[in-house]
Amino acid sequence: MISETDLLAALPTGLYIDGAWRDATGGGTFAVTDPATEEVLARVADATPEDGQAALAAADRAQHDWQRTAPRERAEILRRAFELVTARADEFALTMTLEMGKPLAEARGEVAYGAEFLRWFSEEAPRIAGRYATAPDGVNRLLVVKRPVGPCLFITPWNFPLAMATRKIAPAIAAGCTMVLKPAALTPLTALLLTQVFEEAGLPAGVLNVIPTAHAGAVTGPLIKDSRLRKLSFTGSTEVGRRLIADSADQVLKVSMELGGNAPFLVFEDADIAAAVDGAVLAKMRNGGEACVAANRFLVHESVADEFSRAFTARMTAFHPARGTDPASTIGPLVDADTRDKVAALVEGAVQDGARIALGGAAIPGPGYFYQPTVLVDVPEGARILDEEIFGPVAPITTFRDEEQAIRLANATPFGLVCFAFTQDLNRALRLAEELETGMLGINAGVVSNPAAPFGGVKLSGLGREGGIEGIEEYLETCYVGIADPTRKD
């Protein structure tokens, strides 16, 4: 295992434009801080609007040759990148733990998950296909061709700094698109390490350009208005996503938006309670609750609510908050002070609304932005904490009387990213799949994310899908060619 000192000394900290590492125009930098210690880990080049333009220009120049690169060659680059990320798993895991805070065991899990997008889309690159058919009237032939959409802009979040990058970069490479990546200012080091891997894997200059910055709007705003850009993919809050969609309208950009969530976790009266508790722990505490797919509201049938709450609370007591590099750590800090303060305010508001604290309920004194694993019971319908994305280790539990009420409560949100439901009734599971307003549904499962499956939501949770056979379609355009009947001789 590489030491923290050696890793930080070796990590790239510059911009990556047109196949070369460089300083920001004017030499500006910004600090990357360890959320567990509040100490500065590194200073990273702070891209300017001029750097953004240079990155897009490089992507635009590279697009013509890259889209004509053989699909097998694009696939082999992705496969080599997968093997390199896997071989350097310890470096990636430690980098994420230091800049984001998650325990090393979870970080290693993200390495495996993030790398799998590289392997999955390496296998999809040679499978891009159109179709050829005879028109219904027999007069013409119909040829449907798929081609890359063109230069893309990716804006990725801080909570899964490797997986959110590979989930966008891999299908773009497979499809033949070039790109500009703007990683989150809180966690740019993982993206820069990944960029180094792509360079080593033989990705041609200009295909991937990376511009970390602490001034996102000033740098990405002009790119979104630029006619050379043809695709925007963003993962983050609904508030920011709405603004980006509006900004992209001038150029009628193809957009993918993976936005906020408010995931309900339903426990029905016939559920296997032990399995439901296992699933609840996974759904709530992955990444310490800092995940868009984290269970946000626990809706439990009134007949099993006490049993579920007691068992779930007992499991939550086992979590040990500590810096992610500590072998005893099972939950790290929240990413920054604002996130911790928001979580604290939501818990305080829930108590004022009538909820009762069964466990936790307070921030942990610093250094670091730690918050106690928390369970709230008797949360009344209408409490603010049931309406907002918590993004922390807090589980509010409320009850329902019957299936109809459970579905009504689950759907009572403008979001629709993921739902979880525990029941042993197959017919009920099928009804839920048809009636819940969600892009993803876990039945008797607390984790649904998989590179082979289409990830995405409905309503205010976004547009488009990432992963699965659907994921590469986000980076392709469809061109129809009408051909005169080739059998005619006149």
Protein backbone atom coordinates (compact mmCIF):
# COMPACT_ATOMS: atom_id res chain seq x y z
CA MET A 1 0.00 0.00 0.00
CA ILE A 2 1.42 3.35 -1.03
CA SER A 3 1.87 5.92 1.75
CA GLU A 4 -0.18 9.11 1.85
CA THR A 5 2.97 11.20 1.45
CA ASP A 6 4.22 9.29 -1.57
CA LEU A 7 0.79 9.29 -3.20
CA LEU A 8 0.25 13.02 -2.80
CA ALA A 9 3.72 13.72 -4.14
CA ALA A 10 3.02 11.65 -7.25
CA LEU A 11 -0.51 12.79 -8.10
CA PRO A 12 -0.88 15.14 -11.08
CA THR A 13 -2.28 18.56 -10.17
CA GLY A 14 -2.35 20.40 -13.49
CA LEU A 15 -4.78 20.86 -16.33
CA TYR A 16 -4.76 18.28 -19.12
CA ILE A 17 -5.38 19.85 -22.51
CA ASP A 18 -4.62 18.42 -25.96
CA GLY A 19 -2.54 15.59 -24.52
CA ALA A 20 -0.31 17.75 -22.32
CA TRP A 21 -0.20 18.66 -18.63
CA ARG A 22 -0.01 22.40 -18.03
CA ASP A 23 -0.59 25.15 -15.50
CA ALA A 24 -3.68 27.29 -15.54
CA THR A 25 -3.51 30.54 -17.46
CA GLY A 26 -2.15 33.03 -14.94
CA GLY A 27 -0.88 30.24 -12.67
CA GLY A 28 -3.86 30.16 -10.29
CA THR A 29 -4.49 27.20 -7.99
CA PHE A 30 -7.07 26.11 -5.41
CA ALA A 31 -6.79 23.95 -2.31
CA VAL A 32 -8.10 20.40 -1.96
CA THR A 33 -8.86 19.63 1.69
CA ASP A 34 -9.14 16.40 3.68
CA PRO A 35 -12.67 16.50 5.19
CA ALA A 36 -11.56 14.31 8.10
CA THR A 37 -8.74 16.61 9.25
CA GLU A 38 -9.57 19.93 7.51
CA GLU A 39 -5.94 20.01 6.33
CA VAL A 40 -4.89 20.92 2.79
CA LEU A 41 -3.88 17.86 0.77
CA ALA A 42 -2.76 19.57 -2.43
CA ARG A 43 -3.16 22.62 -4.60
CA VAL A 44 -4.61 22.06 -8.05
CA ALA A 45 -4.47 24.24 -11.15
CA ASP A 46 -7.52 26.50 -11.29
CA ALA A 47 -8.71 26.63 -14.91
CA THR A 48 -9.79 29.96 -16.38
CA PRO A 49 -12.34 30.63 -19.13
CA GLU A 50 -9.40 30.79 -21.54
CA ASP A 51 -8.33 27.32 -20.46
CA GLY A 52 -11.85 26.08 -21.01
CA GLN A 53 -11.82 27.43 -24.54
CA ALA A 54 -8.47 25.76 -25.19
CA ALA A 55 -9.85 22.45 -23.95
CA LEU A 56 -12.93 22.66 -26.18
CA ALA A 57 -10.80 23.67 -29.16
CA ALA A 58 -8.61 20.59 -28.60
CA ALA A 59 -11.68 18.35 -28.38
CA ASP A 60 -13.10 19.89 -31.55
CA ARG A 61 -9.84 19.37 -33.48
CA ALA A 62 -9.59 15.76 -32.35
CA GLN A 63 -13.22 14.84 -33.13
CA HIS A 64 -12.83 14.14 -36.85
CA ASP A 65 -10.01 11.62 -36.53
CA TRP A 66 -11.33 10.07 -33.31
CA GLN A 67 -14.77 9.24 -34.68
CA ARG A 68 -13.06 7.49 -37.60
CA THR A 69 -10.90 5.42 -35.29
CA ALA A 70 -11.88 1.76 -35.51
CA PRO A 71 -14.35 0.67 -32.83
CA ARG A 72 -12.02 -2.18 -31.88
CA GLU A 73 -9.19 0.28 -31.27
CA ARG A 74 -11.42 2.43 -29.07
CA ALA A 75 -12.44 -0.74 -27.24
CA GLU A 76 -8.83 -1.78 -26.63
CA ILE A 77 -7.99 1.62 -25.11
CA LEU A 78 -10.91 1.25 -22.70
CA ARG A 79 -9.85 -2.30 -21.86
CA ARG A 80 -6.29 -1.16 -21.12
CA ALA A 81 -7.66 1.64 -18.94
CA PHE A 82 -9.77 -0.92 -17.04
CA GLU A 83 -6.72 -3.07 -16.40
CA LEU A 84 -4.62 -0.09 -15.29
CA VAL A 85 -7.27 1.21 -12.89
CA THR A 86 -7.63 -2.28 -11.45
CA ALA A 87 -3.86 -2.67 -11.08
CA ARG A 88 -3.66 0.71 -9.33
CA ALA A 89 -6.70 0.13 -7.14
CA ASP A 90 -4.85 1.00 -3.93
CA GLU A 91 -3.79 4.38 -5.33
CA PHE A 92 -7.30 5.23 -6.49
CA ALA A 93 -8.88 4.08 -3.21
CA LEU A 94 -6.49 6.10 -1.05
CA THR A 95 -6.92 9.19 -3.25
CA MET A 96 -10.71 9.04 -2.87
CA THR A 97 -10.49 8.43 0.86
CA LEU A 98 -8.19 11.42 1.35
CA GLU A 99 -10.13 13.96 -0.71
CA MET A 100 -13.70 12.73 -0.19
CA GLY A 101 -13.57 10.97 3.19
CA LYS A 102 -15.11 7.54 2.58
CA PRO A 103 -13.51 4.55 4.39
CA LEU A 104 -10.89 2.66 2.40
CA ALA A 105 -13.07 -0.43 2.14
CA GLU A 106 -15.81 1.62 0.45
CA ALA A 107 -13.27 3.37 -1.74
CA ARG A 108 -12.00 0.02 -2.96
CA GLY A 109 -15.58 -0.91 -3.77
CA GLU A 110 -15.91 2.24 -5.86
CA VAL A 111 -12.72 1.38 -7.74
CA ALA A 112 -14.22 -1.95 -8.76
CA TYR A 113 -17.55 -0.32 -9.66
CA GLY A 114 -15.97 2.58 -11.56
CA ALA A 115 -13.54 0.37 -13.45
CA GLU A 116 -16.39 -1.87 -14.59
CA PHE A 117 -17.80 0.97 -16.73
CA LEU A 118 -14.53 0.93 -18.66
CA ARG A 119 -14.79 -2.81 -19.25
CA TRP A 120 -18.53 -2.73 -20.03
CA PHE A 121 -18.24 -0.01 -22.66
CA SER A 122 -15.08 -1.54 -24.13
CA GLU A 123 -17.40 -4.42 -25.03
CA GLU A 124 -20.14 -2.12 -26.35
CA ALA A 125 -17.90 -0.11 -28.70
CA PRO A 126 -17.78 -2.77 -31.45
CA ARG A 127 -21.52 -3.43 -31.12
CA ILE A 128 -22.80 -0.04 -32.28
CA ALA A 129 -25.23 -0.96 -35.02
CA GLY A 130 -27.82 0.56 -37.33
CA ARG A 131 -30.32 -1.28 -39.53
CA TYR A 132 -31.27 -1.87 -43.13
CA ALA A 133 -34.84 -2.53 -44.18
CA THR A 134 -37.26 -2.39 -47.08
CA ALA A 135 -39.82 0.40 -46.83
CA PRO A 136 -43.38 -0.86 -46.29
CA ASP A 137 -44.38 0.24 -49.81
CA GLY A 138 -41.40 -1.59 -51.30
CA VAL A 139 -40.20 1.47 -53.22
CA ASN A 140 -37.13 2.43 -51.20
CA ARG A 141 -34.63 0.93 -48.83
CA LEU A 142 -34.20 2.38 -45.34
CA LEU A 143 -30.69 2.63 -43.94
CA VAL A 144 -30.32 3.82 -40.32
CA VAL A 145 -26.82 4.86 -39.28
CA LYS A 146 -25.48 5.67 -35.81
CA ARG A 147 -22.72 8.24 -35.46
CA PRO A 148 -21.07 10.06 -32.54
CA VAL A 149 -22.81 13.19 -31.34
CA GLY A 150 -19.50 15.11 -31.16
CA PRO A 151 -17.59 17.06 -28.48
CA CYS A 152 -19.05 16.67 -24.98
CA LEU A 153 -18.82 18.55 -21.70
CA PHE A 154 -18.95 16.50 -18.50
CA ILE A 155 -19.54 18.03 -15.08
CA THR A 156 -19.10 15.44 -12.33
CA PRO A 157 -19.87 15.47 -8.57
CA TRP A 158 -17.68 14.91 -5.54
CA ASN A 159 -19.37 11.91 -3.91
CA PHE A 160 -18.21 9.19 -6.34
CA PRO A 161 -15.25 10.89 -8.03
CA LEU A 162 -14.09 7.83 -9.99
CA ALA A 163 -17.36 6.15 -10.92
CA MET A 164 -19.12 9.34 -11.98
CA ALA A 165 -16.22 10.11 -14.33
CA THR A 166 -15.91 6.64 -15.87
CA ARG A 167 -19.70 6.42 -16.25
CA LYS A 168 -19.54 9.37 -18.66
CA ILE A 169 -16.07 9.05 -20.21
CA ALA A 170 -16.32 5.35 -21.10
CA PRO A 171 -19.45 5.49 -23.30
CA ALA A 172 -18.21 8.68 -24.95
CA ILE A 173 -14.92 7.01 -25.89
CA ALA A 174 -16.77 3.91 -27.07
CA ALA A 175 -19.10 6.00 -29.25
CA GLY A 176 -16.28 8.04 -30.79
CA CYS A 177 -16.83 11.35 -28.99
CA THR A 178 -14.21 13.74 -27.66
CA MET A 179 -14.77 15.51 -24.36
CA VAL A 180 -13.97 18.14 -21.76
CA LEU A 181 -14.25 17.03 -18.12
CA LYS A 182 -14.81 19.49 -15.28
CA PRO A 183 -14.47 17.48 -12.04
CA ALA A 184 -15.85 18.70 -8.73
CA ALA A 185 -13.60 21.24 -7.01
CA LEU A 186 -13.86 19.26 -3.75
CA THR A 187 -12.48 16.06 -5.33
CA PRO A 188 -10.41 16.71 -8.48
CA LEU A 189 -7.45 14.47 -7.60
CA THR A 190 -9.18 11.20 -8.51
CA ALA A 191 -10.15 12.55 -11.93
CA LEU A 192 -6.59 13.69 -12.56
CA LEU A 193 -5.24 10.27 -11.61
CA LEU A 194 -7.75 8.70 -14.01
CA THR A 195 -6.58 11.07 -16.73
CA GLN A 196 -3.04 9.86 -16.18
CA VAL A 197 -4.28 6.30 -16.67
CA PHE A 198 -5.97 7.17 -19.98
CA GLU A 199 -2.76 8.81 -21.15
CA GLU A 200 -0.89 5.62 -20.30
CA ALA A 201 -3.58 3.53 -22.03
CA GLY A 202 -2.88 5.36 -25.30
CA LEU A 203 -5.85 7.68 -25.62
CA PRO A 204 -4.95 10.17 -28.39
CA ALA A 205 -4.33 13.82 -27.60
CA GLY A 206 -7.45 15.97 -27.48
CA VAL A 207 -9.94 13.16 -26.91
CA LEU A 208 -10.04 13.76 -23.14
CA ASN A 209 -9.34 17.22 -21.73
CA VAL A 210 -9.61 17.90 -18.00
CA ILE A 211 -10.08 21.35 -16.46
CA PRO A 212 -10.48 21.43 -12.67
CA THR A 213 -11.61 24.82 -11.42
CA ALA A 214 -13.03 26.53 -8.37
CA HIS A 215 -15.04 28.84 -10.66
CA ALA A 216 -17.24 26.38 -12.48
CA GLY A 217 -19.83 28.75 -13.93
CA ALA A 218 -17.27 31.16 -15.35
CA VAL A 219 -15.43 28.32 -17.09
CA THR A 220 -18.25 26.05 -18.26
CA GLY A 221 -20.82 28.75 -19.06
CA PRO A 222 -19.08 29.92 -22.25
CA LEU A 223 -18.54 26.31 -23.35
CA ILE A 224 -22.25 25.55 -23.13
CA LYS A 225 -22.95 28.54 -25.37
CA ASP A 226 -20.28 27.49 -27.89
CA SER A 227 -21.50 25.95 -31.16
CA ARG A 228 -18.62 23.47 -31.17
CA LEU A 229 -20.09 21.67 -28.16
CA ARG A 230 -22.79 19.10 -28.95
CA LYS A 231 -23.46 17.27 -25.68
CA LEU A 232 -23.69 18.14 -21.97
CA SER A 233 -23.80 15.54 -19.20
CA PHE A 234 -24.16 16.63 -15.58
CA THR A 235 -24.52 14.80 -12.28
CA GLY A 236 -25.50 16.94 -9.32
CA SER A 237 -28.34 18.90 -7.78
CA THR A 238 -31.65 19.53 -9.50
CA GLU A 239 -31.24 23.26 -8.90
CA VAL A 240 -27.99 23.40 -10.88
CA GLY A 241 -29.29 20.94 -13.47
CA ARG A 242 -32.25 23.18 -14.24
CA ARG A 243 -29.93 26.11 -14.89
CA LEU A 244 -27.71 24.02 -17.14
CA ILE A 245 -30.68 22.77 -19.15
CA ALA A 246 -31.82 26.36 -19.64
CA ASP A 247 -28.31 27.43 -20.65
CA SER A 248 -28.05 24.55 -23.13
CA ALA A 249 -31.24 25.58 -24.95
CA ASP A 250 -29.53 28.17 -27.16
CA GLN A 251 -27.41 25.50 -28.84
CA VAL A 252 -30.11 22.80 -28.49
CA LEU A 253 -27.52 20.57 -26.88
CA LYS A 254 -28.18 16.92 -26.28
CA VAL A 255 -28.28 16.70 -22.48
CA SER A 256 -28.04 13.97 -19.86
CA MET A 257 -28.97 14.99 -16.32
CA GLU A 258 -28.64 12.76 -13.27
CA LEU A 259 -30.10 14.99 -10.57
CA GLY A 260 -31.44 14.85 -7.04
CA GLY A 261 -33.38 12.08 -5.38
CA ASN A 262 -35.68 11.41 -2.45
CA ALA A 263 -35.67 7.64 -2.38
CA PRO A 264 -38.41 5.90 -0.39
CA PHE A 265 -37.62 2.57 1.28
CA LEU A 266 -40.85 0.58 1.67
CA VAL A 267 -41.20 -2.25 4.17
CA PHE A 268 -44.48 -4.14 3.84
CA GLU A 269 -46.15 -6.29 6.49
CA ASP A 270 -45.07 -9.53 4.77
CA ALA A 271 -41.41 -8.52 4.41
CA ASP A 272 -38.55 -10.61 5.74
CA ILE A 273 -37.57 -8.11 8.43
CA ALA A 274 -33.98 -9.34 8.78
CA ALA A 275 -33.49 -9.00 5.02
CA ALA A 276 -35.18 -5.59 5.08
CA VAL A 277 -32.81 -4.37 7.80
CA ASP A 278 -29.81 -5.63 5.82
CA GLY A 279 -31.11 -3.83 2.76
CA ALA A 280 -31.86 -0.67 4.73
CA VAL A 281 -28.32 -0.47 6.05
CA LEU A 282 -26.92 -0.81 2.53
CA ALA A 283 -29.40 1.64 1.02
CA LYS A 284 -28.90 4.28 3.71
CA MET A 285 -25.26 4.04 4.66
CA ARG A 286 -23.47 3.52 1.37
CA ASN A 287 -21.04 6.42 1.17
CA GLY A 288 -22.29 7.57 4.58
CA GLY A 289 -25.62 8.55 3.03
CA GLU A 290 -23.92 10.93 0.58
CA ALA A 291 -25.43 9.31 -2.49
CA CYS A 292 -28.29 10.29 -4.76
CA VAL A 293 -29.58 6.71 -4.51
CA ALA A 294 -29.40 6.62 -0.71
CA ALA A 295 -32.66 5.72 1.02
CA ASN A 296 -34.05 9.05 2.16
CA ARG A 297 -37.41 8.07 3.69
CA PHE A 298 -38.26 4.79 5.43
CA LEU A 299 -41.94 3.99 5.00
CA VAL A 300 -42.79 0.97 7.15
CA HIS A 301 -46.10 -0.82 7.61
CA GLU A 302 -47.48 0.02 11.04
CA SER A 303 -47.70 -3.64 12.06
CA VAL A 304 -43.91 -4.17 11.72
CA ALA A 305 -42.65 -0.64 12.37
CA ASP A 306 -41.49 -1.27 15.96
CA GLU A 307 -39.72 -4.51 15.05
CA PHE A 308 -38.00 -2.95 12.05
CA SER A 309 -37.03 0.23 13.91
CA ARG A 310 -35.47 -1.64 16.84
CA ALA A 311 -33.46 -3.98 14.60
CA PHE A 312 -32.36 -1.20 12.26
CA THR A 313 -31.30 1.07 15.14
CA ALA A 314 -29.25 -1.76 16.64
CA ARG A 315 -27.40 -2.17 13.34
CA MET A 316 -26.76 1.56 13.08
CA THR A 317 -25.06 1.59 16.48
CA ALA A 318 -22.27 -0.55 15.02
CA PHE A 319 -21.01 2.20 12.70
CA HIS A 320 -17.74 3.75 13.83
CA PRO A 321 -17.06 7.29 12.57
CA ALA A 322 -13.37 7.90 11.90
CA ARG A 323 -10.99 9.08 9.21
CA GLY A 324 -11.28 6.70 6.29
CA THR A 325 -7.65 5.55 6.56
CA ASP A 326 -8.29 4.27 10.09
CA PRO A 327 -8.80 0.47 9.89
CA ALA A 328 -11.65 0.80 12.41
CA SER A 329 -13.54 3.36 10.30
CA THR A 330 -16.90 2.24 8.94
CA ILE A 331 -18.18 5.75 8.19
CA GLY A 332 -16.15 8.79 7.25
CA PRO A 333 -16.87 12.50 7.54
CA LEU A 334 -19.33 14.47 5.49
CA VAL A 335 -17.61 16.27 2.67
CA ASP A 336 -17.63 19.80 4.08
CA ALA A 337 -19.00 22.04 6.81
CA ASP A 338 -22.02 23.17 4.76
CA THR A 339 -23.13 19.58 4.21
CA ARG A 340 -22.76 18.77 7.91
CA ASP A 341 -24.68 21.89 8.91
CA LYS A 342 -27.52 21.08 6.50
CA VAL A 343 -27.85 17.58 7.95
CA ALA A 344 -27.90 18.99 11.48
CA ALA A 345 -30.59 21.51 10.54
CA LEU A 346 -32.79 18.81 9.00
CA VAL A 347 -32.56 16.68 12.14
CA GLU A 348 -33.34 19.65 14.39
CA GLY A 349 -36.32 20.51 12.21
CA ALA A 350 -37.61 16.95 12.32
CA VAL A 351 -37.53 16.96 16.12
CA GLN A 352 -39.43 20.23 16.12
CA ASP A 353 -41.97 18.62 13.78
CA GLY A 354 -42.52 15.84 16.33
CA ALA A 355 -39.99 13.15 15.44
CA ARG A 356 -38.16 11.27 18.19
CA ILE A 357 -34.41 10.56 18.13
CA ALA A 358 -33.75 6.84 18.58
CA LEU A 359 -30.02 7.14 17.89
CA GLY A 360 -27.49 9.89 17.31
CA GLY A 361 -28.80 13.28 16.38
CA ALA A 362 -25.72 15.48 16.68
CA ALA A 363 -22.51 16.55 14.96
CA ILE A 364 -19.26 15.14 16.31
CA PRO A 365 -16.71 17.75 17.48
CA GLY A 366 -13.86 18.34 15.00
CA PRO A 367 -11.48 18.34 13.45
CA GLY A 368 -13.39 16.98 10.50
CA TYR A 369 -17.01 17.18 9.40
CA PHE A 370 -18.41 14.13 11.17
CA TYR A 371 -22.05 13.51 12.04
CA GLN A 372 -23.43 10.72 14.20
CA PRO A 373 -25.33 7.88 12.51
CA THR A 374 -28.90 8.85 13.33
CA VAL A 375 -32.32 7.18 13.42
CA LEU A 376 -35.52 9.19 13.78
CA VAL A 377 -38.82 7.48 14.58
CA ASP A 378 -42.42 8.70 14.69
CA VAL A 379 -41.64 11.17 11.91
CA PRO A 380 -44.96 12.80 10.99
CA GLU A 381 -46.21 13.06 7.42
CA GLY A 382 -45.34 16.52 6.12
CA ALA A 383 -42.09 16.87 8.07
CA ARG A 384 -39.48 18.79 6.09
CA ILE A 385 -36.93 15.99 6.40
CA LEU A 386 -39.22 13.76 4.32
CA ASP A 387 -39.27 16.29 1.50
CA GLU A 388 -35.56 17.12 1.17
CA GLU A 389 -32.56 15.06 0.13
CA ILE A 390 -30.61 14.51 3.35
CA PHE A 391 -27.20 13.46 1.96
CA GLY A 392 -26.00 12.21 5.32
CA PRO A 393 -26.24 9.27 7.76
CA VAL A 394 -29.78 10.05 8.95
CA ALA A 395 -32.72 7.65 8.62
CA PRO A 396 -36.23 9.06 9.24
CA ILE A 397 -38.87 6.35 9.80
CA THR A 398 -42.59 6.86 9.32
CA THR A 399 -45.49 4.42 8.91
CA PHE A 400 -48.27 3.53 6.50
CA ARG A 401 -51.52 1.56 6.83
CA ASP A 402 -51.86 -0.20 3.49
CA GLU A 403 -50.36 -0.53 0.02
CA GLU A 404 -52.41 2.32 -1.43
CA GLN A 405 -51.11 4.75 1.19
CA ALA A 406 -47.55 3.46 0.79
CA ILE A 407 -47.61 4.18 -2.95
CA ARG A 408 -49.17 7.59 -2.37
CA LEU A 409 -46.47 8.53 0.15
CA ALA A 410 -43.68 7.16 -2.03
CA ASN A 411 -44.86 9.18 -5.02
CA ALA A 412 -45.47 12.37 -2.98
CA THR A 413 -42.25 14.01 -4.18
CA PRO A 414 -41.15 15.86 -7.32
CA PHE A 415 -38.21 13.43 -7.55
CA GLY A 416 -38.14 9.95 -9.02
CA LEU A 417 -34.66 8.44 -9.10
CA VAL A 418 -34.92 5.16 -7.17
CA CYS A 419 -37.23 3.30 -4.81
CA PHE A 420 -36.62 0.26 -2.64
CA ALA A 421 -39.35 -2.15 -1.55
CA PHE A 422 -39.31 -5.26 0.61
CA THR A 423 -42.18 -7.70 0.19
CA GLN A 424 -42.61 -11.43 -0.42
CA ASP A 425 -45.70 -10.90 -2.57
CA LEU A 426 -44.75 -11.20 -6.26
CA ASN A 427 -47.97 -9.60 -7.46
CA ARG A 428 -47.39 -6.64 -5.18
CA ALA A 429 -43.83 -6.29 -6.51
CA LEU A 430 -45.19 -6.15 -10.06
CA ARG A 431 -47.83 -3.60 -9.05
CA LEU A 432 -45.12 -1.43 -7.49
CA ALA A 433 -43.08 -1.60 -10.69
CA GLU A 434 -46.07 -0.21 -12.57
CA GLU A 435 -47.28 2.37 -10.04
CA LEU A 436 -44.18 3.86 -8.42
CA GLU A 437 -42.92 6.98 -10.20
CA THR A 438 -39.26 6.08 -10.39
CA GLY A 439 -36.49 5.38 -12.87
CA MET A 440 -35.14 2.45 -10.83
CA LEU A 441 -36.70 0.02 -8.36
CA GLY A 442 -34.99 -2.39 -6.00
CA ILE A 443 -37.18 -5.31 -4.92
CA ASN A 444 -35.78 -6.98 -1.78
CA ALA A 445 -32.45 -5.32 -2.61
CA GLY A 446 -30.74 -2.34 -1.02
CA VAL A 447 -28.35 -1.66 -3.93
CA VAL A 448 -29.41 -1.33 -7.57
CA SER A 449 -26.44 0.39 -9.24
CA ASN A 450 -24.75 -1.77 -11.87
CA PRO A 451 -22.76 -0.78 -14.97
CA ALA A 452 -24.81 -3.24 -17.03
CA ALA A 453 -28.08 -1.53 -16.08
CA PRO A 454 -29.54 1.84 -17.17
CA PHE A 455 -29.10 4.33 -14.32
CA GLY A 456 -31.36 7.38 -14.25
CA GLY A 457 -34.57 8.92 -13.03
CA VAL A 458 -37.87 10.54 -13.93
CA LYS A 459 -39.53 13.83 -12.93
CA LEU A 460 -37.00 16.22 -11.33
CA SER A 461 -34.43 13.46 -11.01
CA GLY A 462 -33.22 13.94 -14.53
CA LEU A 463 -33.03 13.00 -18.20
CA GLY A 464 -31.27 10.15 -19.96
CA ARG A 465 -29.62 6.96 -18.77
CA GLU A 466 -26.06 5.98 -17.91
CA GLY A 467 -24.84 2.39 -18.08
CA GLY A 468 -26.34 -0.64 -19.77
CA ILE A 469 -26.88 -0.94 -23.48
CA GLU A 470 -28.84 2.30 -23.19
CA GLY A 471 -25.83 4.26 -21.94
CA ILE A 472 -23.99 4.47 -25.26
CA GLU A 473 -27.11 5.78 -27.05
CA GLU A 474 -26.70 9.04 -25.13
CA TYR A 475 -23.55 9.67 -27.22
CA LEU A 476 -24.93 8.71 -30.61
CA GLU A 477 -27.06 10.45 -33.22
CA THR A 478 -29.35 8.65 -35.64
CA CYS A 479 -29.10 9.37 -39.36
CA TYR A 480 -31.68 7.94 -41.76
CA VAL A 481 -30.65 7.37 -45.39
CA GLY A 482 -33.35 6.70 -47.97
CA ILE A 483 -32.09 4.63 -50.91
CA ALA A 484 -33.88 4.09 -54.17
CA ASP A 485 -34.91 0.47 -54.81
CA PRO A 486 -31.63 -1.16 -55.95
CA THR A 487 -33.52 -3.89 -57.83
CA ARG A 488 -35.04 -1.47 -60.31
CA LYS A 489 -33.29 -1.37 -63.71
CA ASP A 490 -35.09 1.53 -65.35
